[in-house]
Amino acid sequence: MIYFIRHGESVGNIQGTIQGSIDLPLTETGIYQSQLLSNYLNVKDLDFFYSSPLLRAKQTAEIINQKFNLEIKFTNNLREYNYGIAEGKNWMVATTKFGIQLGAWGFGNIKGEEGPIEFCERVDTFVDNLLNDCINKNVVCVSHGAVINRVASFILGLDVENRPRIKINNTSVMAVDNSKNKPTIVTINDCMHLL
């Protein structure tokens, strides 16, 4: 099983800020969410642990990894979408000025923005390699909302234009069964540990 986990609540989340590649830490709530998730994850043997290197994901991964004590492999392929000059702006300002909607990554029209094609290639390549290399393995990948949305789209075979708007809450889990020839999304936005 491959578990794609969104980071815990960050300072940017409570401020309503477009974070993207900005390195903001977890809040006390985000730390607590990560601890709850660590206790909830019912994985006996974890084979690999990957994480985005951005601080909010890194902190989440380190808290969860206290249960497993594995080497965390930090990879830029799990970094959040880069929103260019919109980063650091309030979502309300960004919606008016740049036309970005909350929960959606951009379309390549903002100066310095990563661009949807580049973003999809980055995420898709990582996921494709992971699925091929980790059949019947247990893997945790701590990442970000836009990345997990793209992973779901990749598994469902959707292209850039047909991406779904899937709600991905802080410390939610998307579990992917990779034991057969075709990966299957078993759960998405699982937040049972927060109840």
N, C-alpha and C. Protein backbone atom coordinates (compact mmCIF):
# COMPACT_ATOMS: atom_id res chain seq x y z
N MET A 1 0.85 -1.17 0.00
CA MET A 1 0.00 0.00 0.00
C MET A 1 0.89 1.24 0.00
N ILE A 2 0.51 2.23 -0.79
CA ILE A 2 1.22 3.50 -0.80
C ILE A 2 0.30 4.54 -0.18
N TYR A 3 0.80 5.24 0.82
CA TYR A 3 0.01 6.23 1.54
C TYR A 3 0.52 7.63 1.18
N PHE A 4 -0.30 8.39 0.49
CA PHE A 4 0.02 9.78 0.17
C PHE A 4 -0.65 10.65 1.22
N ILE A 5 0.16 11.39 1.96
CA ILE A 5 -0.31 12.15 3.12
C ILE A 5 -0.04 13.64 2.90
N ARG A 6 -1.06 14.45 3.14
CA ARG A 6 -0.84 15.90 3.11
C ARG A 6 -0.29 16.34 4.46
N HIS A 7 0.58 17.33 4.44
CA HIS A 7 1.17 17.87 5.67
C HIS A 7 0.09 18.37 6.62
N GLY A 8 0.47 18.54 7.89
CA GLY A 8 -0.42 19.09 8.89
C GLY A 8 -0.68 20.57 8.67
N GLU A 9 -1.59 21.11 9.45
CA GLU A 9 -1.93 22.53 9.31
C GLU A 9 -0.67 23.39 9.48
N SER A 10 -0.48 24.31 8.55
CA SER A 10 0.70 25.18 8.58
C SER A 10 0.29 26.61 8.89
N VAL A 11 1.27 27.44 9.16
CA VAL A 11 1.03 28.86 9.40
C VAL A 11 0.33 29.48 8.19
N GLY A 12 0.75 29.10 7.00
CA GLY A 12 0.12 29.63 5.78
C GLY A 12 -1.33 29.22 5.65
N ASN A 13 -1.67 28.01 6.10
CA ASN A 13 -3.06 27.56 6.05
C ASN A 13 -3.97 28.45 6.89
N ILE A 14 -3.54 28.77 8.10
CA ILE A 14 -4.42 29.58 8.96
C ILE A 14 -4.42 31.05 8.55
N GLN A 15 -3.37 31.50 7.87
CA GLN A 15 -3.33 32.89 7.40
C GLN A 15 -4.04 33.06 6.06
N GLY A 16 -4.41 31.94 5.41
CA GLY A 16 -5.06 32.02 4.11
C GLY A 16 -4.10 32.47 3.02
N THR A 17 -2.85 32.04 3.14
CA THR A 17 -1.79 32.45 2.23
C THR A 17 -1.50 31.39 1.19
N ILE A 18 -1.23 31.81 -0.04
CA ILE A 18 -0.75 30.87 -1.05
C ILE A 18 0.68 30.52 -0.67
N GLN A 19 0.91 29.28 -0.30
CA GLN A 19 2.23 28.88 0.16
C GLN A 19 3.13 28.44 -1.00
N GLY A 20 2.64 27.49 -1.82
CA GLY A 20 3.48 26.99 -2.90
C GLY A 20 4.82 26.55 -2.37
N SER A 21 5.88 27.18 -2.85
CA SER A 21 7.24 26.79 -2.47
C SER A 21 7.77 27.56 -1.26
N ILE A 22 6.93 28.43 -0.67
CA ILE A 22 7.36 29.16 0.53
C ILE A 22 7.47 28.17 1.70
N ASP A 23 8.51 28.33 2.47
CA ASP A 23 8.80 27.39 3.56
C ASP A 23 8.22 27.87 4.88
N LEU A 24 6.98 27.48 5.16
CA LEU A 24 6.33 27.87 6.41
C LEU A 24 6.15 26.64 7.30
N PRO A 25 6.28 26.81 8.63
CA PRO A 25 6.21 25.68 9.55
C PRO A 25 4.78 25.27 9.89
N LEU A 26 4.68 24.14 10.59
CA LEU A 26 3.40 23.69 11.12
C LEU A 26 2.98 24.56 12.29
N THR A 27 1.68 24.65 12.50
CA THR A 27 1.14 25.26 13.71
C THR A 27 1.14 24.19 14.81
N GLU A 28 0.77 24.59 16.03
CA GLU A 28 0.62 23.60 17.11
C GLU A 28 -0.45 22.57 16.73
N THR A 29 -1.51 23.04 16.07
CA THR A 29 -2.55 22.12 15.61
C THR A 29 -1.99 21.14 14.58
N GLY A 30 -1.16 21.64 13.67
CA GLY A 30 -0.55 20.78 12.66
C GLY A 30 0.35 19.71 13.26
N ILE A 31 1.07 20.08 14.31
CA ILE A 31 1.92 19.11 15.02
C ILE A 31 1.03 18.04 15.67
N TYR A 32 -0.04 18.48 16.31
CA TYR A 32 -0.97 17.55 16.97
C TYR A 32 -1.63 16.62 15.94
N GLN A 33 -2.06 17.17 14.80
CA GLN A 33 -2.65 16.35 13.73
C GLN A 33 -1.67 15.27 13.28
N SER A 34 -0.42 15.65 13.13
CA SER A 34 0.61 14.70 12.68
C SER A 34 0.83 13.60 13.71
N GLN A 35 0.80 13.96 14.99
CA GLN A 35 0.94 12.96 16.05
C GLN A 35 -0.24 11.99 16.04
N LEU A 36 -1.45 12.51 15.86
CA LEU A 36 -2.64 11.66 15.79
C LEU A 36 -2.54 10.70 14.61
N LEU A 37 -2.08 11.22 13.47
CA LEU A 37 -1.95 10.37 12.28
C LEU A 37 -0.91 9.29 12.50
N SER A 38 0.20 9.63 13.13
CA SER A 38 1.24 8.64 13.40
C SER A 38 0.69 7.48 14.23
N ASN A 39 -0.11 7.81 15.23
CA ASN A 39 -0.72 6.77 16.07
C ASN A 39 -1.76 5.95 15.30
N TYR A 40 -2.43 6.59 14.35
CA TYR A 40 -3.53 5.96 13.61
C TYR A 40 -3.04 5.03 12.49
N LEU A 41 -1.92 5.39 11.86
CA LEU A 41 -1.43 4.60 10.73
C LEU A 41 -1.21 3.15 11.15
N ASN A 42 -1.97 2.27 10.57
CA ASN A 42 -1.90 0.85 10.93
C ASN A 42 -1.02 0.11 9.91
N VAL A 43 0.26 0.43 9.93
CA VAL A 43 1.21 -0.19 9.02
C VAL A 43 2.26 -0.90 9.87
N LYS A 44 2.34 -2.21 9.72
CA LYS A 44 3.30 -2.95 10.53
C LYS A 44 4.72 -2.80 9.99
N ASP A 45 4.87 -3.03 8.72
CA ASP A 45 6.20 -2.96 8.10
C ASP A 45 6.18 -1.92 7.00
N LEU A 46 6.89 -0.84 7.22
CA LEU A 46 7.00 0.21 6.22
C LEU A 46 8.34 0.04 5.51
N ASP A 47 8.31 0.00 4.18
CA ASP A 47 9.52 -0.24 3.40
C ASP A 47 10.25 1.04 3.02
N PHE A 48 9.50 2.07 2.63
CA PHE A 48 10.12 3.31 2.18
C PHE A 48 9.33 4.50 2.71
N PHE A 49 10.06 5.61 2.91
CA PHE A 49 9.43 6.84 3.41
C PHE A 49 9.97 8.01 2.59
N TYR A 50 9.08 8.69 1.88
CA TYR A 50 9.44 9.84 1.05
C TYR A 50 8.73 11.08 1.57
N SER A 51 9.33 12.24 1.31
CA SER A 51 8.69 13.49 1.72
C SER A 51 9.15 14.63 0.84
N SER A 52 8.28 15.60 0.70
CA SER A 52 8.67 16.90 0.16
C SER A 52 9.66 17.51 1.14
N PRO A 53 10.65 18.26 0.65
CA PRO A 53 11.60 18.90 1.56
C PRO A 53 11.08 20.19 2.19
N LEU A 54 9.91 20.68 1.74
CA LEU A 54 9.37 21.92 2.32
C LEU A 54 9.06 21.70 3.80
N LEU A 55 9.31 22.71 4.62
CA LEU A 55 9.30 22.59 6.08
C LEU A 55 8.02 21.96 6.63
N ARG A 56 6.86 22.38 6.14
CA ARG A 56 5.59 21.86 6.68
C ARG A 56 5.44 20.37 6.43
N ALA A 57 5.93 19.89 5.27
CA ALA A 57 5.90 18.45 4.97
C ALA A 57 6.99 17.72 5.74
N LYS A 58 8.16 18.32 5.79
CA LYS A 58 9.30 17.72 6.50
C LYS A 58 8.96 17.50 7.98
N GLN A 59 8.37 18.51 8.62
CA GLN A 59 7.99 18.37 10.03
C GLN A 59 6.95 17.26 10.21
N THR A 60 5.98 17.20 9.32
CA THR A 60 4.95 16.16 9.38
C THR A 60 5.58 14.78 9.24
N ALA A 61 6.46 14.65 8.25
CA ALA A 61 7.13 13.36 8.00
C ALA A 61 7.96 12.93 9.21
N GLU A 62 8.68 13.86 9.81
CA GLU A 62 9.53 13.51 10.96
C GLU A 62 8.69 13.07 12.16
N ILE A 63 7.54 13.68 12.35
CA ILE A 63 6.66 13.28 13.46
C ILE A 63 6.12 11.87 13.20
N ILE A 64 5.64 11.62 11.99
CA ILE A 64 5.11 10.29 11.64
C ILE A 64 6.21 9.25 11.73
N ASN A 65 7.40 9.61 11.29
CA ASN A 65 8.51 8.65 11.24
C ASN A 65 9.03 8.24 12.61
N GLN A 66 8.64 8.93 13.66
CA GLN A 66 9.04 8.51 15.01
C GLN A 66 8.53 7.10 15.30
N LYS A 67 7.44 6.73 14.64
CA LYS A 67 6.87 5.39 14.80
C LYS A 67 7.67 4.34 14.02
N PHE A 68 8.30 4.74 12.92
CA PHE A 68 8.95 3.78 12.02
C PHE A 68 10.47 3.83 12.05
N ASN A 69 11.04 5.00 12.33
CA ASN A 69 12.49 5.18 12.40
C ASN A 69 13.20 4.74 11.12
N LEU A 70 12.68 5.19 9.98
CA LEU A 70 13.30 4.90 8.68
C LEU A 70 14.04 6.13 8.18
N GLU A 71 14.89 5.93 7.19
CA GLU A 71 15.48 7.08 6.50
C GLU A 71 14.39 7.72 5.66
N ILE A 72 14.20 9.02 5.82
CA ILE A 72 13.24 9.75 4.98
C ILE A 72 13.98 10.24 3.75
N LYS A 73 13.48 9.89 2.59
CA LYS A 73 14.08 10.35 1.33
C LYS A 73 13.33 11.60 0.88
N PHE A 74 14.00 12.74 0.97
CA PHE A 74 13.38 14.00 0.58
C PHE A 74 13.55 14.20 -0.92
N THR A 75 12.45 14.49 -1.59
CA THR A 75 12.50 14.65 -3.04
C THR A 75 11.72 15.88 -3.48
N ASN A 76 12.31 16.65 -4.37
CA ASN A 76 11.64 17.83 -4.92
C ASN A 76 10.43 17.47 -5.76
N ASN A 77 10.33 16.21 -6.18
CA ASN A 77 9.18 15.78 -6.97
C ASN A 77 7.88 15.83 -6.16
N LEU A 78 7.98 15.85 -4.83
CA LEU A 78 6.79 15.92 -3.97
C LEU A 78 6.53 17.34 -3.46
N ARG A 79 7.32 18.32 -3.94
CA ARG A 79 7.11 19.72 -3.53
C ARG A 79 5.77 20.23 -4.05
N GLU A 80 5.23 21.23 -3.37
CA GLU A 80 3.99 21.85 -3.81
C GLU A 80 4.20 22.60 -5.12
N TYR A 81 3.11 22.85 -5.81
CA TYR A 81 3.11 23.64 -7.04
C TYR A 81 3.69 25.02 -6.75
N ASN A 82 4.52 25.54 -7.64
CA ASN A 82 5.11 26.86 -7.47
C ASN A 82 4.22 27.89 -8.17
N TYR A 83 3.64 28.80 -7.39
CA TYR A 83 2.71 29.80 -7.92
C TYR A 83 3.39 31.10 -8.34
N GLY A 84 4.71 31.12 -8.43
CA GLY A 84 5.41 32.32 -8.89
C GLY A 84 5.14 33.52 -8.00
N ILE A 85 4.88 34.67 -8.63
CA ILE A 85 4.72 35.92 -7.87
C ILE A 85 3.44 35.95 -7.03
N ALA A 86 2.55 34.97 -7.20
CA ALA A 86 1.34 34.92 -6.36
C ALA A 86 1.63 34.36 -4.98
N GLU A 87 2.77 33.70 -4.81
CA GLU A 87 3.10 33.10 -3.52
C GLU A 87 3.26 34.18 -2.45
N GLY A 88 2.77 33.85 -1.26
CA GLY A 88 2.83 34.79 -0.15
C GLY A 88 1.64 35.73 -0.11
N LYS A 89 0.82 35.73 -1.17
CA LYS A 89 -0.37 36.57 -1.21
C LYS A 89 -1.55 35.83 -0.57
N ASN A 90 -2.49 36.61 -0.07
CA ASN A 90 -3.72 36.05 0.47
C ASN A 90 -4.54 35.45 -0.68
N TRP A 91 -5.24 34.34 -0.40
CA TRP A 91 -6.03 33.68 -1.44
C TRP A 91 -7.08 34.62 -2.03
N MET A 92 -7.68 35.48 -1.24
CA MET A 92 -8.70 36.41 -1.76
C MET A 92 -8.07 37.39 -2.75
N VAL A 93 -6.88 37.88 -2.44
CA VAL A 93 -6.16 38.78 -3.34
C VAL A 93 -5.80 38.04 -4.62
N ALA A 94 -5.31 36.81 -4.46
CA ALA A 94 -4.88 36.03 -5.61
C ALA A 94 -6.05 35.69 -6.53
N THR A 95 -7.21 35.43 -5.95
CA THR A 95 -8.39 35.13 -6.76
C THR A 95 -8.77 36.33 -7.61
N THR A 96 -8.71 37.51 -7.01
CA THR A 96 -9.07 38.74 -7.74
C THR A 96 -7.99 39.13 -8.74
N LYS A 97 -6.75 39.14 -8.30
CA LYS A 97 -5.65 39.65 -9.14
C LYS A 97 -5.17 38.65 -10.18
N PHE A 98 -5.09 37.36 -9.79
CA PHE A 98 -4.49 36.36 -10.68
C PHE A 98 -5.49 35.34 -11.21
N GLY A 99 -6.71 35.34 -10.69
CA GLY A 99 -7.71 34.38 -11.15
C GLY A 99 -7.50 32.97 -10.65
N ILE A 100 -6.72 32.79 -9.58
CA ILE A 100 -6.49 31.46 -9.01
C ILE A 100 -7.62 31.16 -8.04
N GLN A 101 -8.14 29.96 -8.11
CA GLN A 101 -9.19 29.54 -7.19
C GLN A 101 -8.58 28.68 -6.08
N LEU A 102 -9.09 28.83 -4.86
CA LEU A 102 -8.63 28.04 -3.73
C LEU A 102 -8.77 26.55 -4.04
N GLY A 103 -7.72 25.80 -3.82
CA GLY A 103 -7.74 24.36 -4.07
C GLY A 103 -7.36 23.99 -5.49
N ALA A 104 -7.06 24.96 -6.32
CA ALA A 104 -6.68 24.67 -7.71
C ALA A 104 -5.29 25.24 -7.97
N TRP A 105 -4.47 24.48 -8.67
CA TRP A 105 -3.19 25.04 -9.04
C TRP A 105 -3.35 25.76 -10.36
N GLY A 106 -2.37 26.56 -10.68
CA GLY A 106 -2.48 27.52 -11.78
C GLY A 106 -2.49 26.95 -13.18
N PHE A 107 -2.51 27.87 -14.12
CA PHE A 107 -2.58 27.52 -15.53
C PHE A 107 -1.38 28.04 -16.32
N GLY A 108 -0.36 28.52 -15.62
CA GLY A 108 0.84 28.98 -16.30
C GLY A 108 0.80 30.42 -16.75
N ASN A 109 -0.16 31.21 -16.24
CA ASN A 109 -0.30 32.60 -16.67
C ASN A 109 0.32 33.61 -15.72
N ILE A 110 0.83 33.14 -14.58
CA ILE A 110 1.40 34.03 -13.57
C ILE A 110 2.92 34.04 -13.73
N LYS A 111 3.49 35.20 -13.65
CA LYS A 111 4.94 35.33 -13.79
C LYS A 111 5.66 34.45 -12.77
N GLY A 112 6.55 33.59 -13.26
CA GLY A 112 7.33 32.71 -12.40
C GLY A 112 6.63 31.43 -12.00
N GLU A 113 5.38 31.27 -12.45
CA GLU A 113 4.61 30.07 -12.10
C GLU A 113 5.22 28.83 -12.75
N GLU A 114 5.16 27.71 -12.05
CA GLU A 114 5.74 26.47 -12.56
C GLU A 114 5.11 26.04 -13.88
N GLY A 115 3.83 26.13 -13.98
CA GLY A 115 3.12 25.72 -15.19
C GLY A 115 2.58 24.31 -15.06
N PRO A 116 1.35 24.08 -15.53
CA PRO A 116 0.70 22.79 -15.32
C PRO A 116 1.39 21.62 -16.01
N ILE A 117 1.94 21.82 -17.19
CA ILE A 117 2.58 20.71 -17.91
C ILE A 117 3.84 20.27 -17.16
N GLU A 118 4.66 21.23 -16.76
CA GLU A 118 5.88 20.90 -16.02
C GLU A 118 5.55 20.23 -14.70
N PHE A 119 4.53 20.76 -14.01
CA PHE A 119 4.11 20.20 -12.73
C PHE A 119 3.66 18.75 -12.91
N CYS A 120 2.80 18.51 -13.88
CA CYS A 120 2.30 17.14 -14.11
C CYS A 120 3.44 16.19 -14.48
N GLU A 121 4.36 16.63 -15.31
CA GLU A 121 5.49 15.77 -15.68
C GLU A 121 6.32 15.41 -14.46
N ARG A 122 6.55 16.38 -13.58
CA ARG A 122 7.34 16.16 -12.37
C ARG A 122 6.66 15.12 -11.47
N VAL A 123 5.38 15.33 -11.20
CA VAL A 123 4.65 14.43 -10.29
C VAL A 123 4.43 13.07 -10.95
N ASP A 124 4.01 13.06 -12.21
CA ASP A 124 3.71 11.81 -12.91
C ASP A 124 4.93 10.90 -13.01
N THR A 125 6.07 11.48 -13.29
CA THR A 125 7.31 10.68 -13.39
C THR A 125 7.62 10.02 -12.06
N PHE A 126 7.52 10.79 -10.98
CA PHE A 126 7.78 10.23 -9.65
C PHE A 126 6.81 9.09 -9.34
N VAL A 127 5.52 9.31 -9.58
CA VAL A 127 4.50 8.31 -9.25
C VAL A 127 4.67 7.06 -10.12
N ASP A 128 4.94 7.25 -11.38
CA ASP A 128 5.13 6.11 -12.29
C ASP A 128 6.30 5.25 -11.82
N ASN A 129 7.41 5.88 -11.47
CA ASN A 129 8.58 5.14 -10.97
C ASN A 129 8.25 4.45 -9.64
N LEU A 130 7.53 5.15 -8.77
CA LEU A 130 7.16 4.59 -7.47
C LEU A 130 6.28 3.35 -7.64
N LEU A 131 5.29 3.45 -8.51
CA LEU A 131 4.38 2.33 -8.74
C LEU A 131 5.11 1.12 -9.32
N ASN A 132 6.07 1.37 -10.20
CA ASN A 132 6.84 0.27 -10.80
C ASN A 132 7.83 -0.36 -9.83
N ASP A 133 8.41 0.47 -8.97
CA ASP A 133 9.46 -0.01 -8.07
C ASP A 133 8.93 -0.56 -6.75
N CYS A 134 7.69 -0.25 -6.41
CA CYS A 134 7.18 -0.58 -5.07
C CYS A 134 5.95 -1.46 -5.08
N ILE A 135 5.88 -2.39 -6.02
CA ILE A 135 4.77 -3.34 -6.03
C ILE A 135 4.86 -4.19 -4.76
N ASN A 136 3.73 -4.33 -4.06
CA ASN A 136 3.64 -5.08 -2.81
C ASN A 136 4.54 -4.53 -1.70
N LYS A 137 4.84 -3.25 -1.76
CA LYS A 137 5.61 -2.59 -0.70
C LYS A 137 4.71 -1.60 0.03
N ASN A 138 5.06 -1.30 1.27
CA ASN A 138 4.37 -0.27 2.04
C ASN A 138 5.21 0.99 2.04
N VAL A 139 4.62 2.07 1.54
CA VAL A 139 5.35 3.31 1.33
C VAL A 139 4.52 4.48 1.86
N VAL A 140 5.18 5.43 2.51
CA VAL A 140 4.55 6.69 2.90
C VAL A 140 5.19 7.81 2.10
N CYS A 141 4.35 8.69 1.55
CA CYS A 141 4.80 9.88 0.83
C CYS A 141 4.08 11.09 1.42
N VAL A 142 4.82 11.97 2.09
CA VAL A 142 4.23 13.17 2.68
C VAL A 142 4.41 14.32 1.69
N SER A 143 3.30 14.96 1.37
CA SER A 143 3.36 15.97 0.32
C SER A 143 2.35 17.08 0.57
N HIS A 144 1.72 17.55 -0.50
CA HIS A 144 0.88 18.75 -0.49
C HIS A 144 -0.41 18.51 -1.27
N GLY A 145 -1.38 19.38 -1.06
CA GLY A 145 -2.69 19.21 -1.67
C GLY A 145 -2.69 19.09 -3.19
N ALA A 146 -2.02 20.02 -3.87
CA ALA A 146 -2.01 19.98 -5.34
C ALA A 146 -1.33 18.72 -5.85
N VAL A 147 -0.27 18.30 -5.17
CA VAL A 147 0.46 17.10 -5.59
C VAL A 147 -0.44 15.87 -5.46
N ILE A 148 -1.13 15.75 -4.34
CA ILE A 148 -1.98 14.58 -4.11
C ILE A 148 -3.15 14.57 -5.10
N ASN A 149 -3.69 15.76 -5.40
CA ASN A 149 -4.70 15.86 -6.45
C ASN A 149 -4.17 15.33 -7.77
N ARG A 150 -2.93 15.70 -8.10
CA ARG A 150 -2.35 15.25 -9.37
C ARG A 150 -2.09 13.75 -9.34
N VAL A 151 -1.65 13.22 -8.21
CA VAL A 151 -1.44 11.77 -8.10
C VAL A 151 -2.75 11.03 -8.38
N ALA A 152 -3.84 11.52 -7.79
CA ALA A 152 -5.15 10.90 -8.04
C ALA A 152 -5.51 10.97 -9.52
N SER A 153 -5.27 12.11 -10.13
CA SER A 153 -5.55 12.27 -11.56
C SER A 153 -4.72 11.31 -12.41
N PHE A 154 -3.45 11.16 -12.05
CA PHE A 154 -2.56 10.26 -12.79
C PHE A 154 -3.06 8.82 -12.70
N ILE A 155 -3.42 8.40 -11.50
CA ILE A 155 -3.91 7.03 -11.31
C ILE A 155 -5.22 6.81 -12.06
N LEU A 156 -6.07 7.84 -12.10
CA LEU A 156 -7.35 7.74 -12.80
C LEU A 156 -7.21 7.93 -14.32
N GLY A 157 -6.01 8.29 -14.77
CA GLY A 157 -5.76 8.45 -16.19
C GLY A 157 -6.28 9.76 -16.77
N LEU A 158 -6.37 10.81 -15.94
CA LEU A 158 -6.87 12.10 -16.40
C LEU A 158 -5.72 12.99 -16.85
N ASP A 159 -5.95 13.77 -17.90
CA ASP A 159 -4.91 14.68 -18.36
C ASP A 159 -5.01 16.00 -17.61
N VAL A 160 -4.15 16.94 -17.96
CA VAL A 160 -4.05 18.21 -17.25
C VAL A 160 -5.37 18.96 -17.25
N GLU A 161 -6.05 18.98 -18.39
CA GLU A 161 -7.28 19.77 -18.52
C GLU A 161 -8.45 19.18 -17.73
N ASN A 162 -8.42 17.89 -17.45
CA ASN A 162 -9.54 17.22 -16.80
C ASN A 162 -9.27 16.87 -15.35
N ARG A 163 -8.50 17.69 -14.67
CA ARG A 163 -8.19 17.39 -13.29
C ARG A 163 -9.40 17.59 -12.39
N PRO A 164 -9.59 16.68 -11.46
CA PRO A 164 -10.73 16.83 -10.54
C PRO A 164 -10.40 17.80 -9.42
N ARG A 165 -11.41 18.35 -8.80
CA ARG A 165 -11.23 19.18 -7.61
C ARG A 165 -11.53 18.29 -6.41
N ILE A 166 -10.52 17.61 -5.94
CA ILE A 166 -10.67 16.70 -4.80
C ILE A 166 -10.20 17.43 -3.55
N LYS A 167 -11.03 17.43 -2.53
CA LYS A 167 -10.66 18.07 -1.26
C LYS A 167 -9.60 17.22 -0.58
N ILE A 168 -8.49 17.85 -0.24
CA ILE A 168 -7.38 17.17 0.45
C ILE A 168 -7.11 17.95 1.73
N ASN A 169 -7.61 17.45 2.85
CA ASN A 169 -7.45 18.12 4.14
C ASN A 169 -6.05 17.88 4.72
N ASN A 170 -5.69 18.72 5.69
CA ASN A 170 -4.41 18.55 6.37
C ASN A 170 -4.34 17.18 7.05
N THR A 171 -3.26 16.50 6.88
CA THR A 171 -2.92 15.14 7.35
C THR A 171 -3.88 14.07 6.83
N SER A 172 -4.63 14.39 5.78
CA SER A 172 -5.49 13.36 5.19
C SER A 172 -4.62 12.33 4.47
N VAL A 173 -5.18 11.13 4.31
CA VAL A 173 -4.46 10.02 3.70
C VAL A 173 -5.19 9.56 2.44
N MET A 174 -4.44 9.40 1.36
CA MET A 174 -4.94 8.72 0.17
C MET A 174 -4.16 7.42 0.08
N ALA A 175 -4.85 6.30 0.27
CA ALA A 175 -4.21 4.99 0.22
C ALA A 175 -4.39 4.39 -1.16
N VAL A 176 -3.28 3.93 -1.74
CA VAL A 176 -3.29 3.34 -3.08
C VAL A 176 -2.80 1.90 -2.98
N ASP A 177 -3.67 0.98 -3.39
CA ASP A 177 -3.30 -0.44 -3.43
C ASP A 177 -2.46 -0.67 -4.68
N ASN A 178 -1.21 -1.05 -4.48
CA ASN A 178 -0.29 -1.28 -5.59
C ASN A 178 0.14 -2.74 -5.65
N SER A 179 -0.75 -3.64 -5.26
CA SER A 179 -0.39 -5.05 -5.23
C SER A 179 -0.69 -5.77 -6.54
N LYS A 180 -1.45 -5.13 -7.42
CA LYS A 180 -1.79 -5.75 -8.70
C LYS A 180 -1.19 -4.95 -9.84
N ASN A 181 -1.51 -5.32 -11.06
CA ASN A 181 -0.96 -4.63 -12.23
C ASN A 181 -1.45 -3.20 -12.35
N LYS A 182 -2.65 -2.92 -11.83
CA LYS A 182 -3.21 -1.57 -11.93
C LYS A 182 -3.44 -1.01 -10.53
N PRO A 183 -2.83 0.14 -10.22
CA PRO A 183 -3.03 0.73 -8.89
C PRO A 183 -4.48 1.16 -8.70
N THR A 184 -4.96 1.01 -7.46
CA THR A 184 -6.34 1.34 -7.13
C THR A 184 -6.36 2.26 -5.93
N ILE A 185 -7.09 3.37 -6.05
CA ILE A 185 -7.27 4.26 -4.90
C ILE A 185 -8.29 3.63 -3.97
N VAL A 186 -7.85 3.32 -2.75
CA VAL A 186 -8.70 2.65 -1.77
C VAL A 186 -9.44 3.67 -0.91
N THR A 187 -8.72 4.68 -0.44
CA THR A 187 -9.32 5.78 0.32
C THR A 187 -8.73 7.08 -0.18
N ILE A 188 -9.51 8.14 -0.02
CA ILE A 188 -9.00 9.46 -0.37
C ILE A 188 -9.55 10.47 0.65
N ASN A 189 -8.70 11.39 1.07
CA ASN A 189 -9.04 12.38 2.08
C ASN A 189 -9.53 11.73 3.38
N ASP A 190 -8.88 10.62 3.76
CA ASP A 190 -9.22 9.92 5.00
C ASP A 190 -8.66 10.71 6.18
N CYS A 191 -9.57 11.17 7.02
CA CYS A 191 -9.20 11.97 8.20
C CYS A 191 -9.75 11.36 9.48
N MET A 192 -9.95 10.05 9.49
CA MET A 192 -10.54 9.37 10.66
C MET A 192 -9.71 9.59 11.93
N HIS A 193 -8.42 9.79 11.78
CA HIS A 193 -7.55 9.99 12.95
C HIS A 193 -7.85 11.30 13.67
N LEU A 194 -8.54 12.23 13.01
CA LEU A 194 -8.83 13.52 13.61
C LEU A 194 -10.15 13.54 14.36
N LEU A 195 -10.91 12.44 14.30
CA LEU A 195 -12.22 12.38 14.98
C LEU A 195 -12.07 12.10 16.46
